[in-house]
């Protein structure tokens, strides 16, 4: 049995919520979580409650940014001239841009 856990407001988190995603949706979620520096649980809860996700620069976030930028660069190099950029890749680029802009403002 897993250990009981209180959240920041002292509430027990003992309810489980599960849902299905496509592999593409999962990859996009994983990317957003990595770039946020939050746990997946905290990221999903904040997004569902329409709370702002504030990214604090730390080594883990910088490493995630570097890896995601490398993936974007290799994907862009793979595209043929004149080929449209896939929506998923544009979403990752948007997330990276928002993350870096927020960190720059600090």
PDB file of N, CA and C in Angstrom:
ATOM      1  N   UNK A   1       0.843  -1.175   0.000  1.00  0.00           N
ATOM      2  CA  UNK A   1       0.000   0.000   0.000  1.00  0.00           C
ATOM      3  C   UNK A   1       0.886   1.235   0.000  1.00  0.00           C
ATOM      4  N   UNK A   2       0.567   2.230  -0.821  1.00  0.00           N
ATOM      5  CA  UNK A   2       1.397   3.421  -0.902  1.00  0.00           C
ATOM      6  C   UNK A   2       1.193   4.308   0.318  1.00  0.00           C
ATOM      7  N   UNK A   3       2.191   5.104   0.615  1.00  0.00           N
ATOM      8  CA  UNK A   3       2.133   5.985   1.773  1.00  0.00           C
ATOM      9  C   UNK A   3       1.123   7.103   1.531  1.00  0.00           C
ATOM     10  N   UNK A   4       0.437   7.509   2.587  1.00  0.00           N
ATOM     11  CA  UNK A   4      -0.518   8.608   2.468  1.00  0.00           C
ATOM     12  C   UNK A   4       0.261   9.897   2.302  1.00  0.00           C
ATOM     13  N   UNK A   5      -0.318  10.806   1.552  1.00  0.00           N
ATOM     14  CA  UNK A   5       0.408  12.010   1.184  1.00  0.00           C
ATOM     15  C   UNK A   5      -0.504  13.227   1.295  1.00  0.00           C
ATOM     16  N   UNK A   6      -0.030  14.256   1.981  1.00  0.00           N
ATOM     17  CA  UNK A   6      -0.768  15.512   2.084  1.00  0.00           C
ATOM     18  C   UNK A   6      -0.272  16.456   1.003  1.00  0.00           C
ATOM     19  N   UNK A   7      -1.178  17.269   0.444  1.00  0.00           N
ATOM     20  CA  UNK A   7      -0.741  18.278  -0.506  1.00  0.00           C
ATOM     21  C   UNK A   7      -0.338  19.537   0.261  1.00  0.00           C
ATOM     22  N   UNK A   8      -0.048  20.621  -0.458  1.00  0.00           N
ATOM     23  CA  UNK A   8       0.438  21.853   0.166  1.00  0.00           C
ATOM     24  C   UNK A   8      -0.600  22.501   1.084  1.00  0.00           C
ATOM     25  N   UNK A   9      -1.868  22.222   0.867  1.00  0.00           N
ATOM     26  CA  UNK A   9      -2.917  22.780   1.706  1.00  0.00           C
ATOM     27  C   UNK A   9      -3.330  21.817   2.819  1.00  0.00           C
ATOM     28  N   UNK A  10      -2.600  20.733   3.005  1.00  0.00           N
ATOM     29  CA  UNK A  10      -2.880  19.784   4.059  1.00  0.00           C
ATOM     30  C   UNK A  10      -4.027  18.827   3.761  1.00  0.00           C
ATOM     31  N   UNK A  11      -4.382  18.672   2.472  1.00  0.00           N
ATOM     32  CA  UNK A  11      -5.468  17.767   2.088  1.00  0.00           C
ATOM     33  C   UNK A  11      -4.896  16.408   1.701  1.00  0.00           C
ATOM     34  N   UNK A  12      -5.642  15.354   2.011  1.00  0.00           N
ATOM     35  CA  UNK A  12      -5.238  14.018   1.604  1.00  0.00           C
ATOM     36  C   UNK A  12      -5.520  13.839   0.121  1.00  0.00           C
ATOM     37  N   UNK A  13      -4.561  13.322  -0.586  1.00  0.00           N
ATOM     38  CA  UNK A  13      -4.750  13.023  -2.013  1.00  0.00           C
ATOM     39  C   UNK A  13      -4.941  11.515  -2.132  1.00  0.00           C
ATOM     40  N   UNK A  14      -6.191  11.096  -1.973  1.00  0.00           N
ATOM     41  CA  UNK A  14      -6.458   9.663  -1.996  1.00  0.00           C
ATOM     42  C   UNK A  14      -7.400   9.258  -3.115  1.00  0.00           C
ATOM     43  N   UNK A  15      -7.709  10.142  -4.039  1.00  0.00           N
ATOM     44  CA  UNK A  15      -8.547   9.834  -5.195  1.00  0.00           C
ATOM     45  C   UNK A  15      -7.657   9.618  -6.408  1.00  0.00           C
ATOM     46  N   UNK A  16      -7.997   8.624  -7.210  1.00  0.00           N
ATOM     47  CA  UNK A  16      -7.235   8.326  -8.416  1.00  0.00           C
ATOM     48  C   UNK A  16      -8.076   8.711  -9.630  1.00  0.00           C
ATOM     49  N   UNK A  17      -7.453   9.433 -10.558  1.00  0.00           N
ATOM     50  CA  UNK A  17      -8.108   9.810 -11.810  1.00  0.00           C
ATOM     51  C   UNK A  17      -7.248   9.246 -12.933  1.00  0.00           C
ATOM     52  N   UNK A  18      -7.862   8.541 -13.857  1.00  0.00           N
ATOM     53  CA  UNK A  18      -7.113   7.935 -14.959  1.00  0.00           C
ATOM     54  C   UNK A  18      -7.843   8.198 -16.270  1.00  0.00           C
ATOM     55  N   UNK A  19      -7.091   8.322 -17.351  1.00  0.00           N
ATOM     56  CA  UNK A  19      -7.678   8.517 -18.669  1.00  0.00           C
ATOM     57  C   UNK A  19      -6.713   8.002 -19.720  1.00  0.00           C
ATOM     58  N   UNK A  20      -7.237   7.796 -20.914  1.00  0.00           N
ATOM     59  CA  UNK A  20      -6.431   7.271 -22.020  1.00  0.00           C
ATOM     60  C   UNK A  20      -5.962   8.412 -22.921  1.00  0.00           C
ATOM     61  N   UNK A  21      -4.771   8.210 -23.497  1.00  0.00           N
ATOM     62  CA  UNK A  21      -4.195   9.187 -24.424  1.00  0.00           C
ATOM     63  C   UNK A  21      -3.539   8.431 -25.574  1.00  0.00           C
ATOM     64  N   UNK A  22      -3.437   9.107 -26.699  1.00  0.00           N
ATOM     65  CA  UNK A  22      -2.680   8.535 -27.809  1.00  0.00           C
ATOM     66  C   UNK A  22      -1.190   8.695 -27.499  1.00  0.00           C
ATOM     67  N   UNK A  23      -0.326   7.939 -28.160  1.00  0.00           N
ATOM     68  CA  UNK A  23       1.117   8.096 -27.942  1.00  0.00           C
ATOM     69  C   UNK A  23       1.596   9.521 -28.242  1.00  0.00           C
ATOM     70  N   UNK A  24       1.004  10.155 -29.249  1.00  0.00           N
ATOM     71  CA  UNK A  24       1.385  11.528 -29.599  1.00  0.00           C
ATOM     72  C   UNK A  24       0.981  12.499 -28.492  1.00  0.00           C
ATOM     73  N   UNK A  25      -0.223  12.328 -27.967  1.00  0.00           N
ATOM     74  CA  UNK A  25      -0.686  13.184 -26.868  1.00  0.00           C
ATOM     75  C   UNK A  25       0.174  12.971 -25.619  1.00  0.00           C
ATOM     76  N   UNK A  26       0.537  11.718 -25.365  1.00  0.00           N
ATOM     77  CA  UNK A  26       1.373  11.410 -24.215  1.00  0.00           C
ATOM     78  C   UNK A  26       2.741  12.071 -24.342  1.00  0.00           C
ATOM     79  N   UNK A  27       3.320  12.018 -25.524  1.00  0.00           N
ATOM     80  CA  UNK A  27       4.635  12.637 -25.737  1.00  0.00           C
ATOM     81  C   UNK A  27       4.563  14.145 -25.529  1.00  0.00           C
ATOM     82  N   UNK A  28       3.497  14.771 -25.996  1.00  0.00           N
ATOM     83  CA  UNK A  28       3.320  16.208 -25.806  1.00  0.00           C
ATOM     84  C   UNK A  28       3.147  16.543 -24.324  1.00  0.00           C
ATOM     85  N   UNK A  29       2.379  15.732 -23.605  1.00  0.00           N
ATOM     86  CA  UNK A  29       2.209  15.936 -22.166  1.00  0.00           C
ATOM     87  C   UNK A  29       3.544  15.770 -21.440  1.00  0.00           C
ATOM     88  N   UNK A  30       4.281  14.721 -21.779  1.00  0.00           N
ATOM     89  CA  UNK A  30       5.579  14.490 -21.138  1.00  0.00           C
ATOM     90  C   UNK A  30       6.529  15.664 -21.382  1.00  0.00           C
ATOM     91  N   UNK A  31       6.522  16.209 -22.598  1.00  0.00           N
ATOM     92  CA  UNK A  31       7.363  17.358 -22.917  1.00  0.00           C
ATOM     93  C   UNK A  31       6.974  18.562 -22.071  1.00  0.00           C
ATOM     94  N   UNK A  32       5.676  18.835 -21.981  1.00  0.00           N
ATOM     95  CA  UNK A  32       5.207  19.968 -21.181  1.00  0.00           C
ATOM     96  C   UNK A  32       5.586  19.806 -19.713  1.00  0.00           C
ATOM     97  N   UNK A  33       5.476  18.586 -19.205  1.00  0.00           N
ATOM     98  CA  UNK A  33       5.832  18.319 -17.807  1.00  0.00           C
ATOM     99  C   UNK A  33       7.326  18.542 -17.599  1.00  0.00           C
ATOM    100  N   UNK A  34       8.150  18.016 -18.498  1.00  0.00           N
ATOM    101  CA  UNK A  34       9.608  18.195 -18.371  1.00  0.00           C
ATOM    102  C   UNK A  34       9.979  19.668 -18.387  1.00  0.00           C
ATOM    103  N   UNK A  35       9.370  20.436 -19.290  1.00  0.00           N
ATOM    104  CA  UNK A  35       9.704  21.848 -19.411  1.00  0.00           C
ATOM    105  C   UNK A  35       9.183  22.677 -18.235  1.00  0.00           C
ATOM    106  N   UNK A  36       8.159  22.184 -17.543  1.00  0.00           N
ATOM    107  CA  UNK A  36       7.600  22.934 -16.408  1.00  0.00           C
ATOM    108  C   UNK A  36       8.434  22.766 -15.143  1.00  0.00           C
ATOM    109  N   UNK A  37       9.140  21.627 -15.027  1.00  0.00           N
ATOM    110  CA  UNK A  37       9.890  21.353 -13.812  1.00  0.00           C
ATOM    111  C   UNK A  37       9.017  20.816 -12.687  1.00  0.00           C
ATOM    112  N   UNK A  38       7.732  20.621 -12.950  1.00  0.00           N
ATOM    113  CA  UNK A  38       6.801  20.087 -11.957  1.00  0.00           C
ATOM    114  C   UNK A  38       6.677  18.576 -12.106  1.00  0.00           C
ATOM    115  N   UNK A  39       6.033  17.945 -11.121  1.00  0.00           N
ATOM    116  CA  UNK A  39       5.690  16.546 -11.288  1.00  0.00           C
ATOM    117  C   UNK A  39       4.514  16.471 -12.258  1.00  0.00           C
ATOM    118  N   UNK A  40       4.309  15.317 -12.852  1.00  0.00           N
ATOM    119  CA  UNK A  40       3.193  15.162 -13.784  1.00  0.00           C
ATOM    120  C   UNK A  40       1.872  15.423 -13.065  1.00  0.00           C
ATOM    121  N   UNK A  41       1.739  14.901 -11.845  1.00  0.00           N
ATOM    122  CA  UNK A  41       0.512  15.101 -11.070  1.00  0.00           C
ATOM    123  C   UNK A  41       0.249  16.584 -10.844  1.00  0.00           C
ATOM    124  N   UNK A  42       1.262  17.308 -10.386  1.00  0.00           N
ATOM    125  CA  UNK A  42       1.072  18.739 -10.088  1.00  0.00           C
ATOM    126  C   UNK A  42       0.779  19.522 -11.362  1.00  0.00           C
ATOM    127  N   UNK A  43       1.454  19.177 -12.456  1.00  0.00           N
ATOM    128  CA  UNK A  43       1.219  19.869 -13.725  1.00  0.00           C
ATOM    129  C   UNK A  43      -0.227  19.671 -14.186  1.00  0.00           C
ATOM    130  N   UNK A  44      -0.698  18.436 -14.174  1.00  0.00           N
ATOM    131  CA  UNK A  44      -2.063  18.144 -14.633  1.00  0.00           C
ATOM    132  C   UNK A  44      -3.093  18.839 -13.740  1.00  0.00           C
ATOM    133  N   UNK A  45      -2.887  18.786 -12.432  1.00  0.00           N
ATOM    134  CA  UNK A  45      -3.831  19.437 -11.518  1.00  0.00           C
ATOM    135  C   UNK A  45      -3.889  20.939 -11.789  1.00  0.00           C
ATOM    136  N   UNK A  46      -2.732  21.579 -11.935  1.00  0.00           N
ATOM    137  CA  UNK A  46      -2.722  23.029 -12.196  1.00  0.00           C
ATOM    138  C   UNK A  46      -3.411  23.374 -13.512  1.00  0.00           C
ATOM    139  N   UNK A  47      -3.153  22.581 -14.535  1.00  0.00           N
ATOM    140  CA  UNK A  47      -3.782  22.861 -15.831  1.00  0.00           C
ATOM    141  C   UNK A  47      -5.292  22.647 -15.781  1.00  0.00           C
ATOM    142  N   UNK A  48      -5.737  21.601 -15.102  1.00  0.00           N
ATOM    143  CA  UNK A  48      -7.167  21.325 -14.996  1.00  0.00           C
ATOM    144  C   UNK A  48      -7.893  22.409 -14.211  1.00  0.00           C
ATOM    145  N   UNK A  49      -7.207  22.983 -13.234  1.00  0.00           N
ATOM    146  CA  UNK A  49      -7.811  24.040 -12.427  1.00  0.00           C
ATOM    147  C   UNK A  49      -7.584  25.420 -13.043  1.00  0.00           C
ATOM    148  N   UNK A  50      -7.001  25.441 -14.241  1.00  0.00           N
ATOM    149  CA  UNK A  50      -6.721  26.669 -14.980  1.00  0.00           C
ATOM    150  C   UNK A  50      -5.852  27.632 -14.188  1.00  0.00           C
ATOM    151  N   UNK A  51      -4.937  27.066 -13.391  1.00  0.00           N
ATOM    152  CA  UNK A  51      -3.972  27.872 -12.662  1.00  0.00           C
ATOM    153  C   UNK A  51      -2.745  28.059 -13.531  1.00  0.00           C
ATOM    154  N   UNK A  52      -2.044  29.141 -13.297  1.00  0.00           N
ATOM    155  CA  UNK A  52      -0.838  29.423 -14.062  1.00  0.00           C
ATOM    156  C   UNK A  52       0.265  28.435 -13.674  1.00  0.00           C
ATOM    157  N   UNK A  53       0.968  27.943 -14.667  1.00  0.00           N
ATOM    158  CA  UNK A  53       2.112  27.062 -14.430  1.00  0.00           C
ATOM    159  C   UNK A  53       3.354  27.937 -14.507  1.00  0.00           C
ATOM    160  N   UNK A  54       3.967  28.180 -13.351  1.00  0.00           N
ATOM    161  CA  UNK A  54       5.148  29.043 -13.280  1.00  0.00           C
ATOM    162  C   UNK A  54       6.388  28.165 -13.285  1.00  0.00           C
ATOM    163  N   UNK A  55       7.258  28.400 -14.244  1.00  0.00           N
ATOM    164  CA  UNK A  55       8.487  27.609 -14.371  1.00  0.00           C
ATOM    165  C   UNK A  55       9.614  28.346 -13.670  1.00  0.00           C
ATOM    166  N   UNK A  56      10.258  27.649 -12.742  1.00  0.00           N
ATOM    167  CA  UNK A  56      11.419  28.206 -12.054  1.00  0.00           C
ATOM    168  C   UNK A  56      12.651  27.554 -12.644  1.00  0.00           C
ATOM    169  N   UNK A  57      13.571  28.387 -13.108  1.00  0.00           N
ATOM    170  CA  UNK A  57      14.782  27.847 -13.724  1.00  0.00           C
ATOM    171  C   UNK A  57      15.612  27.059 -12.726  1.00  0.00           C
ATOM    172  N   UNK A  58      15.918  25.843 -13.073  1.00  0.00           N
ATOM    173  CA  UNK A  58      16.811  25.006 -12.271  1.00  0.00           C
ATOM    174  C   UNK A  58      17.522  24.069 -13.244  1.00  0.00           C
ATOM    175  N   UNK A  59      18.537  23.358 -12.788  1.00  0.00           N
ATOM    176  CA  UNK A  59      19.292  22.499 -13.708  1.00  0.00           C
ATOM    177  C   UNK A  59      18.431  21.494 -14.469  1.00  0.00           C
ATOM    178  N   UNK A  60      17.400  20.949 -13.816  1.00  0.00           N
ATOM    179  CA  UNK A  60      16.540  19.975 -14.483  1.00  0.00           C
ATOM    180  C   UNK A  60      15.776  20.614 -15.643  1.00  0.00           C
ATOM    181  N   UNK A  61      15.283  21.847 -15.440  1.00  0.00           N
ATOM    182  CA  UNK A  61      14.547  22.542 -16.500  1.00  0.00           C
ATOM    183  C   UNK A  61      15.489  22.908 -17.644  1.00  0.00           C
ATOM    184  N   UNK A  62      16.694  23.387 -17.313  1.00  0.00           N
ATOM    185  CA  UNK A  62      17.657  23.730 -18.359  1.00  0.00           C
ATOM    186  C   UNK A  62      18.036  22.504 -19.183  1.00  0.00           C
ATOM    187  N   UNK A  63      18.215  21.375 -18.517  1.00  0.00           N
ATOM    188  CA  UNK A  63      18.555  20.136 -19.226  1.00  0.00           C
ATOM    189  C   UNK A  63      17.400  19.720 -20.142  1.00  0.00           C
ATOM    190  N   UNK A  64      16.168  19.832 -19.645  1.00  0.00           N
ATOM    191  CA  UNK A  64      14.994  19.495 -20.466  1.00  0.00           C
ATOM    192  C   UNK A  64      14.902  20.424 -21.672  1.00  0.00           C
ATOM    193  N   UNK A  65      15.147  21.719 -21.461  1.00  0.00           N
ATOM    194  CA  UNK A  65      15.125  22.670 -22.577  1.00  0.00           C
ATOM    195  C   UNK A  65      16.161  22.297 -23.632  1.00  0.00           C
ATOM    196  N   UNK A  66      17.371  21.969 -23.182  1.00  0.00           N
ATOM    197  CA  UNK A  66      18.439  21.606 -24.120  1.00  0.00           C
ATOM    198  C   UNK A  66      18.048  20.379 -24.938  1.00  0.00           C
ATOM    199  N   UNK A  67      17.533  19.329 -24.256  1.00  0.00           N
ATOM    200  CA  UNK A  67      17.150  18.111 -24.962  1.00  0.00           C
ATOM    201  C   UNK A  67      16.004  18.352 -25.938  1.00  0.00           C
ATOM    202  N   UNK A  68      15.021  19.150 -25.527  1.00  0.00           N
ATOM    203  CA  UNK A  68      13.888  19.426 -26.415  1.00  0.00           C
ATOM    204  C   UNK A  68      14.325  20.246 -27.620  1.00  0.00           C
ATOM    205  N   UNK A  69      15.219  21.204 -27.418  1.00  0.00           N
ATOM    206  CA  UNK A  69      15.730  21.983 -28.548  1.00  0.00           C
ATOM    207  C   UNK A  69      16.511  21.101 -29.519  1.00  0.00           C
ATOM    208  N   UNK A  70      17.268  20.142 -28.988  1.00  0.00           N
ATOM    209  CA  UNK A  70      17.987  19.201 -29.855  1.00  0.00           C
ATOM    210  C   UNK A  70      17.013  18.367 -30.675  1.00  0.00           C
ATOM    211  N   UNK A  71      15.918  17.898 -30.032  1.00  0.00           N
ATOM    212  CA  UNK A  71      14.904  17.119 -30.752  1.00  0.00           C
ATOM    213  C   UNK A  71      14.247  17.954 -31.842  1.00  0.00           C
ATOM    214  N   UNK A  72      13.922  19.217 -31.523  1.00  0.00           N
ATOM    215  CA  UNK A  72      13.279  20.102 -32.498  1.00  0.00           C
ATOM    216  C   UNK A  72      14.212  20.329 -33.678  1.00  0.00           C
ATOM    217  N   UNK A  73      15.478  20.593 -33.394  1.00  0.00           N
ATOM    218  CA  UNK A  73      16.443  20.823 -34.468  1.00  0.00           C
ATOM    219  C   UNK A  73      16.561  19.605 -35.378  1.00  0.00           C
ATOM    220  N   UNK A  74      16.663  18.407 -34.800  1.00  0.00           N
ATOM    221  CA  UNK A  74      16.793  17.212 -35.643  1.00  0.00           C
ATOM    222  C   UNK A  74      15.516  16.973 -36.456  1.00  0.00           C
ATOM    223  N   UNK A  75      14.361  17.264 -35.863  1.00  0.00           N
ATOM    224  CA  UNK A  75      13.091  17.100 -36.584  1.00  0.00           C
ATOM    225  C   UNK A  75      12.988  18.114 -37.724  1.00  0.00           C
ATOM    226  N   UNK A  76      13.420  19.345 -37.493  1.00  0.00           N
ATOM    227  CA  UNK A  76      13.387  20.365 -38.541  1.00  0.00           C
ATOM    228  C   UNK A  76      14.358  20.012 -39.678  1.00  0.00           C
ATOM    229  N   UNK A  77      15.515  19.457 -39.330  1.00  0.00           N
ATOM    230  CA  UNK A  77      16.481  19.045 -40.353  1.00  0.00           C
ATOM    231  C   UNK A  77      15.928  17.888 -41.189  1.00  0.00           C
ATOM    232  N   UNK A  78      15.119  17.036 -40.558  1.00  0.00           N
ATOM    233  CA  UNK A  78      14.546  15.880 -41.244  1.00  0.00           C
ATOM    234  C   UNK A  78      13.495  16.282 -42.277  1.00  0.00           C
ATOM    235  N   UNK A  79      12.808  17.396 -42.032  1.00  0.00           N
ATOM    236  CA  UNK A  79      11.750  17.839 -42.945  1.00  0.00           C
ATOM    237  C   UNK A  79      12.325  18.208 -44.305  1.00  0.00           C
ATOM    238  N   UNK A  80      11.590  17.883 -45.343  1.00  0.00           N
ATOM    239  CA  UNK A  80      12.001  18.242 -46.698  1.00  0.00           C
ATOM    240  C   UNK A  80      11.639  19.697 -46.968  1.00  0.00           C
ATOM    241  N   UNK A  81      12.356  20.306 -47.874  1.00  0.00           N
ATOM    242  CA  UNK A  81      12.106  21.702 -48.224  1.00  0.00           C
ATOM    243  C   UNK A  81      10.669  21.873 -48.704  1.00  0.00           C
ATOM    244  N   UNK A  82       9.994  22.867 -48.157  1.00  0.00           N
ATOM    245  CA  UNK A  82       8.623  23.139 -48.548  1.00  0.00           C
ATOM    246  C   UNK A  82       7.585  22.325 -47.798  1.00  0.00           C
ATOM    247  N   UNK A  83       8.027  21.328 -47.010  1.00  0.00           N
ATOM    248  CA  UNK A  83       7.103  20.497 -46.250  1.00  0.00           C
ATOM    249  C   UNK A  83       6.606  21.273 -45.025  1.00  0.00           C
ATOM    250  N   UNK A  84       5.328  21.113 -44.715  1.00  0.00           N
ATOM    251  CA  UNK A  84       4.750  21.791 -43.555  1.00  0.00           C
ATOM    252  C   UNK A  84       5.291  21.201 -42.263  1.00  0.00           C
ATOM    253  N   UNK A  85       5.447  22.081 -41.259  1.00  0.00           N
ATOM    254  CA  UNK A  85       5.896  21.648 -39.939  1.00  0.00           C
ATOM    255  C   UNK A  85       4.697  21.021 -39.221  1.00  0.00           C
ATOM    256  N   UNK A  86       4.844  19.803 -38.669  1.00  0.00           N
ATOM    257  CA  UNK A  86       3.727  19.148 -37.982  1.00  0.00           C
ATOM    258  C   UNK A  86       3.232  19.971 -36.783  1.00  0.00           C
ATOM    259  N   UNK A  87       1.929  19.874 -36.513  1.00  0.00           N
ATOM    260  CA  UNK A  87       1.316  20.628 -35.409  1.00  0.00           C
ATOM    261  C   UNK A  87       1.959  20.285 -34.067  1.00  0.00           C
ATOM    262  N   UNK A  88       2.281  19.005 -33.844  1.00  0.00           N
ATOM    263  CA  UNK A  88       2.901  18.607 -32.575  1.00  0.00           C
ATOM    264  C   UNK A  88       4.238  19.314 -32.374  1.00  0.00           C
ATOM    265  N   UNK A  89       5.019  19.422 -33.435  1.00  0.00           N
ATOM    266  CA  UNK A  89       6.309  20.094 -33.350  1.00  0.00           C
ATOM    267  C   UNK A  89       6.126  21.583 -33.095  1.00  0.00           C
ATOM    268  N   UNK A  90       5.139  22.183 -33.727  1.00  0.00           N
ATOM    269  CA  UNK A  90       4.851  23.598 -33.475  1.00  0.00           C
ATOM    270  C   UNK A  90       4.437  23.824 -32.029  1.00  0.00           C
ATOM    271  N   UNK A  91       3.692  22.890 -31.458  1.00  0.00           N
ATOM    272  CA  UNK A  91       3.278  23.002 -30.055  1.00  0.00           C
ATOM    273  C   UNK A  91       4.485  22.913 -29.126  1.00  0.00           C
ATOM    274  N   UNK A  92       5.423  22.027 -29.423  1.00  0.00           N
ATOM    275  CA  UNK A  92       6.645  21.912 -28.619  1.00  0.00           C
ATOM    276  C   UNK A  92       7.452  23.202 -28.715  1.00  0.00           C
ATOM    277  N   UNK A  93       7.567  23.758 -29.908  1.00  0.00           N
ATOM    278  CA  UNK A  93       8.290  25.017 -30.097  1.00  0.00           C
ATOM    279  C   UNK A  93       7.613  26.133 -29.296  1.00  0.00           C
ATOM    280  N   UNK A  94       6.278  26.144 -29.292  1.00  0.00           N
ATOM    281  CA  UNK A  94       5.533  27.153 -28.529  1.00  0.00           C
ATOM    282  C   UNK A  94       5.811  27.001 -27.034  1.00  0.00           C
ATOM    283  N   UNK A  95       5.809  25.767 -26.532  1.00  0.00           N
ATOM    284  CA  UNK A  95       6.099  25.526 -25.114  1.00  0.00           C
ATOM    285  C   UNK A  95       7.512  25.976 -24.742  1.00  0.00           C
ATOM    286  N   UNK A  96       8.471  25.671 -25.597  1.00  0.00           N
ATOM    287  CA  UNK A  96       9.860  26.080 -25.351  1.00  0.00           C
ATOM    288  C   UNK A  96       9.950  27.603 -25.317  1.00  0.00           C
ATOM    289  N   UNK A  97       9.298  28.267 -26.255  1.00  0.00           N
ATOM    290  CA  UNK A  97       9.327  29.724 -26.337  1.00  0.00           C
ATOM    291  C   UNK A  97       8.731  30.356 -25.087  1.00  0.00           C
ATOM    292  N   UNK A  98       7.583  29.847 -24.656  1.00  0.00           N
ATOM    293  CA  UNK A  98       6.936  30.377 -23.453  1.00  0.00           C
ATOM    294  C   UNK A  98       7.818  30.154 -22.226  1.00  0.00           C
ATOM    295  N   UNK A  99       8.407  28.966 -22.118  1.00  0.00           N
ATOM    296  CA  UNK A  99       9.272  28.654 -20.980  1.00  0.00           C
ATOM    297  C   UNK A  99      10.471  29.581 -20.948  1.00  0.00           C
ATOM    298  N   UNK A 100      11.130  29.760 -22.085  1.00  0.00           N
ATOM    299  CA  UNK A 100      12.325  30.607 -22.133  1.00  0.00           C
ATOM    300  C   UNK A 100      11.974  32.073 -21.904  1.00  0.00           C
ATOM    301  N   UNK A 101      10.860  32.525 -22.417  1.00  0.00           N
ATOM    302  CA  UNK A 101      10.452  33.916 -22.204  1.00  0.00           C
ATOM    303  C   UNK A 101      10.174  34.164 -20.715  1.00  0.00           C
ATOM    304  N   UNK A 102       9.529  33.210 -20.072  1.00  0.00           N
ATOM    305  CA  UNK A 102       9.245  33.347 -18.644  1.00  0.00           C
ATOM    306  C   UNK A 102      10.510  33.359 -17.819  1.00  0.00           C
ATOM    307  N   UNK A 103      11.486  32.536 -18.198  1.00  0.00           N
ATOM    308  CA  UNK A 103      12.753  32.479 -17.458  1.00  0.00           C
ATOM    309  C   UNK A 103      13.567  33.746 -17.691  1.00  0.00           C
ATOM    310  N   UNK A 104      13.458  34.321 -18.869  1.00  0.00           N
ATOM    311  CA  UNK A 104      14.175  35.545 -19.195  1.00  0.00           C
ATOM    312  C   UNK A 104      13.660  36.704 -18.352  1.00  0.00           C
ATOM    313  N   UNK A 105      12.339  36.697 -18.070  1.00  0.00           N
ATOM    314  CA  UNK A 105      11.713  37.765 -17.298  1.00  0.00           C
ATOM    315  C   UNK A 105      12.137  37.746 -15.832  1.00  0.00           C
ATOM    316  N   UNK A 106      12.611  36.582 -15.343  1.00  0.00           N
ATOM    317  CA  UNK A 106      13.028  36.488 -13.937  1.00  0.00           C
ATOM    318  C   UNK A 106      14.183  37.360 -13.740  1.00  0.00           C
TER     319      UNK A 106
END
